[in-house]
């Protein structure tokens, strides 16, 4: 009975330390997992849920086969790692994090706090309090809050609009679950492993199907930004970095990566970007060209996209989060603004 409960809990939070530890204890060979078509099909469905944006977010049911649910997460993650698409990784991370939020909402206040401490080492308390007529379930240290909520654009999430008590942000239960969801999403995006695309037959079939779908989606998104580069559609962060480049101001490593990846993805060629970097005080053409070609995928198997809005905010490269609105990525902003500007 205890084992069943453990599998059920791990299946709710399959990315957690508890889940990884349990799966390691079970130690089922991948070839055996491959024979369980329920696991393989569920892994495929997890990725299809991420890719198909028009479908509603599924509610995950665990009562029938928690083991299949748990194991399918790790198969899906291995496929994401093997495919190597940041587009897929972000979408998969988002939908998995949202499922986590669904489960967290149903937990007790104490368990949410325990969860945050165990998984993210947060300073958090579940001692409920009522201040100025409002009830709060949790208090979280402002540094933990800022790290997790960096990508939140809505005004109500700004620290200045939150109630603080001795350095702790006061949150309601739904808010705590939302902040934890953001932390989970970041964890999944950053947890990248090198996985060869060499799976047992059933999983390999899913790999090939998903890889084709992701490539088709990437090609479609690329078509939306191909053609004449519309600098007026650049997000504020990229406009600011481009201005700094043209003025010869030194850029940090992440700033150089962000603007380079962005310009490459909107269609600027390597030579043109090299010319922009010529204004930098520490410019070396051989080094600059090598780095730009690496980001473009010409010196490796991966062509990079710029960091997400959440990451740009966390490293203080976002200059106008309100103007960015609900766009989660600089390229999404560019596509949206480009379409707006093209309308008569």
Protein backbone atom coordinates (compact mmCIF):
# COMPACT_ATOMS: atom_id res chain seq x y z
CA UNK A 1 0.00 0.00 0.00
CA UNK A 2 2.78 2.44 0.89
CA UNK A 3 4.45 1.80 -2.46
CA UNK A 4 1.18 2.52 -4.29
CA UNK A 5 0.80 5.80 -2.44
CA UNK A 6 4.40 6.74 -3.29
CA UNK A 7 3.85 6.05 -6.99
CA UNK A 8 0.64 8.06 -6.94
CA UNK A 9 2.34 11.04 -5.30
CA UNK A 10 5.33 10.80 -7.63
CA UNK A 11 3.04 10.66 -10.66
CA UNK A 12 1.47 13.97 -9.64
CA UNK A 13 4.90 15.62 -9.49
CA UNK A 14 7.05 13.47 -11.80
CA UNK A 15 9.86 16.04 -12.07
CA UNK A 16 10.38 16.09 -8.27
CA UNK A 17 13.26 14.62 -6.28
CA UNK A 18 10.84 12.03 -4.85
CA UNK A 19 9.74 10.90 -8.32
CA UNK A 20 13.26 10.62 -9.70
CA UNK A 21 14.33 8.64 -6.68
CA UNK A 22 11.36 6.28 -6.95
CA UNK A 23 11.92 5.62 -10.63
CA UNK A 24 15.57 4.87 -9.92
CA UNK A 25 14.51 2.35 -7.27
CA UNK A 26 12.12 0.63 -9.68
CA UNK A 27 14.98 0.32 -12.18
CA UNK A 28 12.88 -0.95 -15.10
CA UNK A 29 14.96 -1.39 -18.31
CA UNK A 30 14.00 0.89 -21.18
CA UNK A 31 13.40 -2.15 -23.40
CA UNK A 32 10.73 -3.33 -20.94
CA UNK A 33 9.13 0.11 -20.79
CA UNK A 34 9.02 0.12 -24.59
CA UNK A 35 6.80 -2.98 -24.55
CA UNK A 36 4.20 -1.18 -22.44
CA UNK A 37 2.26 0.65 -25.14
CA UNK A 38 0.17 2.45 -22.55
CA UNK A 39 3.31 4.22 -21.32
CA UNK A 40 4.57 4.93 -24.83
CA UNK A 41 1.20 6.29 -25.99
CA UNK A 42 0.90 8.46 -22.88
CA UNK A 43 4.38 9.87 -23.45
CA UNK A 44 3.36 10.75 -26.99
CA UNK A 45 0.15 12.35 -25.75
CA UNK A 46 2.08 14.52 -23.29
CA UNK A 47 4.09 15.96 -26.17
CA UNK A 48 1.08 16.28 -28.46
CA UNK A 49 -0.71 18.21 -25.71
CA UNK A 50 2.25 20.59 -25.71
CA UNK A 51 2.39 20.99 -29.48
CA UNK A 52 -1.33 21.33 -30.20
CA UNK A 53 -2.07 24.80 -28.88
CA UNK A 54 -5.72 24.79 -29.99
CA UNK A 55 -6.66 21.91 -27.70
CA UNK A 56 -7.64 22.63 -24.08
CA UNK A 57 -5.19 21.71 -21.35
CA UNK A 58 -6.00 18.14 -20.32
CA UNK A 59 -6.79 17.24 -16.74
CA UNK A 60 -4.44 14.46 -15.76
CA UNK A 61 -6.04 11.38 -14.22
CA UNK A 62 -3.92 9.08 -12.09
CA UNK A 63 -6.26 6.62 -10.44
CA UNK A 64 -6.15 4.05 -13.24
CA UNK A 65 -2.37 3.71 -13.78
CA UNK A 66 -0.09 5.97 -11.78
CA UNK A 67 2.98 3.99 -12.81
CA UNK A 68 2.28 4.61 -16.50
CA UNK A 69 1.73 8.29 -15.78
CA UNK A 70 4.98 8.57 -13.87
CA UNK A 71 7.08 6.64 -16.37
CA UNK A 72 5.58 8.40 -19.39
CA UNK A 73 6.87 11.72 -18.07
CA UNK A 74 10.46 10.49 -18.18
CA UNK A 75 10.00 8.99 -21.65
CA UNK A 76 8.56 12.31 -22.83
CA UNK A 77 11.48 14.19 -21.28
CA UNK A 78 13.99 11.87 -22.99
CA UNK A 79 12.26 12.56 -26.30
CA UNK A 80 12.37 16.32 -25.69
CA UNK A 81 16.09 16.06 -24.88
CA UNK A 82 16.78 13.96 -27.99
CA UNK A 83 14.83 16.22 -30.35
CA UNK A 84 16.69 19.25 -29.02
CA UNK A 85 14.06 21.86 -29.91
CA UNK A 86 13.74 24.77 -27.50
CA UNK A 87 10.29 25.43 -28.96
CA UNK A 88 9.16 21.95 -27.90
CA UNK A 89 10.97 22.16 -24.56
CA UNK A 90 9.28 25.42 -23.61
CA UNK A 91 5.83 24.23 -24.59
CA UNK A 92 6.28 20.89 -22.81
CA UNK A 93 7.63 22.61 -19.70
CA UNK A 94 4.67 24.99 -19.67
CA UNK A 95 2.00 22.32 -19.86
CA UNK A 96 3.72 20.09 -17.28
CA UNK A 97 4.05 23.04 -14.92
CA UNK A 98 0.37 23.88 -15.35
CA UNK A 99 -0.55 20.29 -14.47
CA UNK A 100 1.58 20.64 -11.35
CA UNK A 101 -0.39 23.74 -10.42
CA UNK A 102 -3.67 21.83 -10.76
CA UNK A 103 -2.47 19.30 -8.19
CA UNK A 104 -0.90 21.85 -5.86
CA UNK A 105 -4.17 23.75 -5.52
CA UNK A 106 -5.70 20.63 -3.96
CA UNK A 107 -2.93 20.16 -1.37
CA UNK A 108 -2.97 21.53 2.16
CA UNK A 109 -1.22 24.80 2.95
CA UNK A 110 1.38 22.92 4.96
CA UNK A 111 2.15 20.53 2.13
CA UNK A 112 2.66 23.40 -0.32
CA UNK A 113 5.20 24.94 2.04
CA UNK A 114 6.94 21.62 2.59
CA UNK A 115 7.01 21.07 -1.16
CA UNK A 116 8.60 24.47 -1.80
CA UNK A 117 11.25 23.89 0.86
CA UNK A 118 12.10 20.39 -0.31
CA UNK A 119 12.21 21.03 -4.05
CA UNK A 120 13.44 24.62 -4.26
CA UNK A 121 14.94 25.36 -0.85
CA UNK A 122 12.62 28.33 -0.38
CA UNK A 123 12.17 30.25 2.83
CA UNK A 124 8.42 29.86 3.22
CA UNK A 125 5.89 29.58 6.01
CA UNK A 126 2.33 28.27 5.97
CA UNK A 127 1.30 30.08 9.14
CA UNK A 128 -1.89 31.74 7.96
CA UNK A 129 -2.45 35.37 8.81
CA UNK A 130 -5.05 38.07 8.29
CA UNK A 131 -3.81 41.57 7.57
CA UNK A 132 -5.97 44.59 6.75
CA UNK A 133 -9.02 42.41 6.24
CA UNK A 134 -7.29 40.00 3.85
CA UNK A 135 -6.35 36.38 4.59
CA UNK A 136 -3.01 34.97 3.47
CA UNK A 137 -1.99 31.32 3.56
CA UNK A 138 1.75 31.64 2.96
CA UNK A 139 4.67 34.00 3.35
CA UNK A 140 7.70 33.58 1.07
CA UNK A 141 11.02 35.41 1.23
CA UNK A 142 11.13 38.18 -1.33
CA UNK A 143 14.29 36.81 -3.00
CA UNK A 144 12.57 33.48 -3.69
CA UNK A 145 9.49 35.31 -4.91
CA UNK A 146 11.42 37.55 -7.29
CA UNK A 147 13.38 34.64 -8.75
CA UNK A 148 10.23 32.65 -9.50
CA UNK A 149 7.93 35.48 -10.58
CA UNK A 150 10.42 37.36 -12.76
CA UNK A 151 8.46 36.59 -15.92
CA UNK A 152 5.06 37.71 -14.62
CA UNK A 153 3.88 40.76 -16.55
CA UNK A 154 0.65 41.57 -14.73
CA UNK A 155 0.82 44.53 -12.37
CA UNK A 156 -0.60 42.60 -9.41
CA UNK A 157 2.52 40.42 -9.37
CA UNK A 158 4.95 43.32 -9.09
CA UNK A 159 6.70 43.36 -5.74
CA UNK A 160 5.58 46.94 -5.08
CA UNK A 161 1.98 45.75 -5.28
CA UNK A 162 2.45 42.90 -2.82
CA UNK A 163 2.18 43.08 0.94
CA UNK A 164 5.52 42.52 2.64
CA UNK A 165 6.13 41.58 6.24
CA UNK A 166 9.75 41.58 7.45
CA UNK A 167 11.06 40.69 4.01
CA UNK A 168 8.43 38.06 3.29
CA UNK A 169 5.80 38.36 0.57
CA UNK A 170 2.31 37.50 1.75
CA UNK A 171 0.44 35.19 -0.64
CA UNK A 172 -2.90 33.43 -0.90
CA UNK A 173 -2.90 29.72 -1.69
CA UNK A 174 -3.70 30.17 -5.38
CA UNK A 175 -0.85 32.67 -5.65
CA UNK A 176 1.59 30.30 -3.94
CA UNK A 177 0.64 27.55 -6.39
CA UNK A 178 1.10 29.94 -9.31
CA UNK A 179 4.58 30.96 -8.17
CA UNK A 180 5.53 27.32 -7.67
CA UNK A 181 4.27 26.56 -11.17
CA UNK A 182 6.66 29.20 -12.53
CA UNK A 183 9.55 27.64 -10.62
CA UNK A 184 8.72 24.20 -12.03
CA UNK A 185 8.56 25.56 -15.57
CA UNK A 186 11.99 27.16 -15.24
CA UNK A 187 13.40 23.95 -13.80
CA UNK A 188 12.14 21.88 -16.73
CA UNK A 189 13.39 24.35 -19.33
CA UNK A 190 16.88 24.37 -17.84
CA UNK A 191 17.15 20.63 -17.14
CA UNK A 192 18.71 19.70 -20.49
CA UNK A 193 20.45 16.38 -21.01
CA UNK A 194 22.29 15.04 -24.05
CA UNK A 195 20.25 12.06 -25.20
CA UNK A 196 21.05 10.21 -28.46
CA UNK A 197 18.11 9.57 -30.76
CA UNK A 198 18.45 5.81 -30.41
CA UNK A 199 15.45 4.29 -28.67
CA UNK A 200 13.73 0.88 -28.66
CA UNK A 201 11.29 0.52 -31.62
CA UNK A 202 8.03 1.83 -30.14
CA UNK A 203 9.62 4.85 -28.49
CA UNK A 204 11.70 5.44 -31.63
CA UNK A 205 8.50 5.59 -33.66
CA UNK A 206 7.14 8.30 -31.37
CA UNK A 207 10.45 10.17 -31.56
CA UNK A 208 10.27 10.26 -35.35
CA UNK A 209 6.62 11.36 -35.38
CA UNK A 210 7.16 14.16 -32.87
CA UNK A 211 10.39 15.32 -34.53
CA UNK A 212 8.58 15.70 -37.86
CA UNK A 213 5.72 17.67 -36.25
CA UNK A 214 8.13 19.96 -34.43
CA UNK A 215 10.08 20.62 -37.63
CA UNK A 216 6.88 21.45 -39.50
CA UNK A 217 5.86 23.84 -36.74
CA UNK A 218 9.32 25.42 -36.73
CA UNK A 219 9.18 25.87 -40.51
CA UNK A 220 5.77 27.53 -40.25
CA UNK A 221 6.92 29.90 -37.53
CA UNK A 222 10.03 30.70 -39.56
CA UNK A 223 7.90 31.60 -42.58
CA UNK A 224 6.01 34.10 -40.43
CA UNK A 225 9.19 36.10 -39.83
CA UNK A 226 10.95 35.57 -43.15
CA UNK A 227 11.21 38.34 -45.71
CA UNK A 228 12.08 41.95 -45.07
CA UNK A 229 13.30 42.61 -41.54
CA UNK A 230 10.94 45.07 -39.84
CA UNK A 231 13.01 46.77 -37.16
CA UNK A 232 9.95 48.72 -35.98
CA UNK A 233 8.50 45.38 -34.83
CA UNK A 234 11.47 44.55 -32.60
CA UNK A 235 10.59 44.20 -28.90
CA UNK A 236 11.86 47.01 -26.65
CA UNK A 237 14.66 44.85 -25.20
CA UNK A 238 16.12 44.11 -28.63
CA UNK A 239 15.74 47.69 -29.79
CA UNK A 240 17.69 48.80 -26.72
CA UNK A 241 20.47 46.24 -27.29
CA UNK A 242 20.67 47.15 -30.97
CA UNK A 243 21.03 50.82 -30.07
CA UNK A 244 23.81 49.99 -27.62
CA UNK A 245 25.61 47.95 -30.29
CA UNK A 246 25.45 50.79 -32.82
CA UNK A 247 26.77 53.22 -30.22
CA UNK A 248 29.70 50.93 -29.45
CA UNK A 249 28.68 50.26 -25.86
CA UNK A 250 30.07 47.06 -24.28
CA UNK A 251 27.48 44.30 -23.89
CA UNK A 252 27.44 41.46 -21.37
CA UNK A 253 27.82 37.89 -22.62
CA UNK A 254 24.11 37.12 -22.27
CA UNK A 255 23.19 40.42 -23.97
CA UNK A 256 25.39 39.54 -26.94
CA UNK A 257 23.87 36.09 -27.14
CA UNK A 258 20.32 37.45 -26.93
CA UNK A 259 20.66 40.09 -29.65
CA UNK A 260 22.65 37.78 -31.91
CA UNK A 261 20.15 34.92 -31.64
CA UNK A 262 17.27 37.33 -32.17
CA UNK A 263 18.77 38.93 -35.27
CA UNK A 264 19.62 35.55 -36.77
CA UNK A 265 16.08 34.30 -36.19
CA UNK A 266 14.47 37.32 -37.86
CA UNK A 267 16.64 36.79 -40.94
CA UNK A 268 19.79 38.85 -40.58
CA UNK A 269 22.88 37.17 -42.04
CA UNK A 270 26.14 36.52 -40.21
CA UNK A 271 28.14 39.20 -42.07
CA UNK A 272 25.63 41.92 -41.18
CA UNK A 273 25.75 40.98 -37.49
CA UNK A 274 29.55 40.95 -37.56
CA UNK A 275 29.43 44.51 -38.90
CA UNK A 276 27.24 45.56 -35.98
CA UNK A 277 29.73 44.10 -33.51
CA UNK A 278 32.58 46.04 -35.15
CA UNK A 279 31.54 49.02 -33.04
CA UNK A 280 32.36 47.14 -29.82
CA UNK A 281 35.54 48.31 -28.04
CA UNK A 282 36.85 44.74 -27.66
CA UNK A 283 35.89 43.60 -31.18
CA UNK A 284 37.79 40.70 -32.74
CA UNK A 285 36.35 39.62 -36.07
CA UNK A 286 37.56 36.01 -35.90
CA UNK A 287 36.09 35.49 -32.43
CA UNK A 288 32.85 37.37 -33.19
CA UNK A 289 32.27 35.44 -36.41
CA UNK A 290 32.92 32.12 -34.69
CA UNK A 291 30.43 32.91 -31.90
CA UNK A 292 27.76 34.15 -34.32
CA UNK A 293 28.12 31.08 -36.56
CA UNK A 294 27.90 28.85 -33.49
CA UNK A 295 24.62 30.50 -32.43
CA UNK A 296 23.37 30.16 -36.02
CA UNK A 297 24.00 26.40 -35.90
CA UNK A 298 26.73 26.48 -38.54
CA UNK A 299 29.35 25.09 -36.15
CA UNK A 300 27.18 22.52 -34.42
CA UNK A 301 23.87 20.73 -34.59
CA UNK A 302 21.87 23.36 -32.68
CA UNK A 303 20.61 26.71 -33.95
CA UNK A 304 19.69 28.84 -30.95
CA UNK A 305 16.72 31.08 -30.30
CA UNK A 306 16.93 34.13 -28.00
CA UNK A 307 16.08 33.75 -24.30
CA UNK A 308 12.47 33.96 -23.16
CA UNK A 309 10.94 37.13 -21.73
CA UNK A 310 11.08 35.63 -18.25
CA UNK A 311 14.82 35.08 -18.55
CA UNK A 312 15.38 38.55 -20.03
CA UNK A 313 13.59 40.00 -17.00
CA UNK A 314 15.61 37.87 -14.56
CA UNK A 315 18.93 39.13 -15.99
CA UNK A 316 17.64 42.72 -16.19
CA UNK A 317 17.67 43.00 -19.97
CA UNK A 318 13.93 43.63 -20.25
CA UNK A 319 13.41 47.39 -20.53
CA UNK A 320 9.61 47.59 -20.73
CA UNK A 321 7.71 44.53 -19.44
CA UNK A 322 4.39 46.37 -19.63
CA UNK A 323 4.84 47.06 -23.35
CA UNK A 324 5.82 43.42 -23.92
CA UNK A 325 2.39 42.50 -22.57
CA UNK A 326 1.50 38.82 -22.54
CA UNK A 327 4.11 37.80 -25.13
CA UNK A 328 6.31 35.17 -23.54
CA UNK A 329 9.16 35.38 -26.01
CA UNK A 330 10.87 38.14 -28.07
CA UNK A 331 10.14 36.28 -31.32
CA UNK A 332 6.45 36.03 -30.43
CA UNK A 333 6.43 39.80 -29.89
CA UNK A 334 8.13 40.34 -33.26
CA UNK A 335 5.68 38.11 -35.14
CA UNK A 336 2.71 39.84 -33.50
CA UNK A 337 3.97 43.39 -34.13
CA UNK A 338 5.04 42.54 -37.68
CA UNK A 339 1.52 41.38 -38.48
CA UNK A 340 0.07 44.52 -36.90
CA UNK A 341 2.35 46.82 -38.87
CA UNK A 342 1.56 45.03 -42.14
CA UNK A 343 -2.17 45.68 -41.82
CA UNK A 344 -3.46 48.52 -44.02
